[in-house]
């Protein structure tokens, strides 16, 4: 029997995607994340994906990659930073490019945001999103972004099964923009992220779900921090 892919939400924009011996970890903001009661020491990712260098996204990526030997995937400037901090296994790509792995591929797509490191806010390249072919499924982690028209082209080139979409507003798109993003992407499943971590991005995900399912054919799944969802082999 083929193993089922499992998606786990750790709050903010951090997800793991597991199947068999392969685990992908997106934007591992764990230490200091209000949604994470304790650091999940059981996490042993094979690949760590970082959309941009803000502390609430690069988070524990360097530590995890060094401890586990995982391949850290990001845009060149962020990958070079990770290498300078002692990460031995990095893979750098850029917009429109993709990197092949045993599980499929990671494709780099734009995100409209910023990317900087530390209290000095040193600019570190550009932010990105990831379209990931993970065995039998395609998952689009949009990163931190506003809605933009090219989301439609991204999804036309690689039809999306699961879209992970920020709804918090203030730093990213809010619920009305996120619903528009779902209309453009037309994923089979939409999962909200990047909300509720702090008061400034407090949102009601049920409102997002109601609007998505009223205006599109997409099903919305709300994952509370720490919750997992087994992705059906056939969506």
Foldseek 3Di string as FASTA:
>chain_A
DFWFWKWAFQAFLWIWIDGDPAIEIFQPQAVVQPSHPDRPPPDQHQEYEFQAAPCSRCHCVLVNCQVRVHEYEYADQVQVVSVVVPRPHYDHDDAQDWDADPQGIKHWHAAPAFHADDPVRHGRDHGTWIFDRGNQFTETEGPAHFADQCLLVVCVVPPHAEYEEEAQPPRHHHLVRRLVSCVSRVHQEYEYHRADSDPSRHDDVVVSQVSNVVPHNHHYDYHRRRDMDGDDSPD
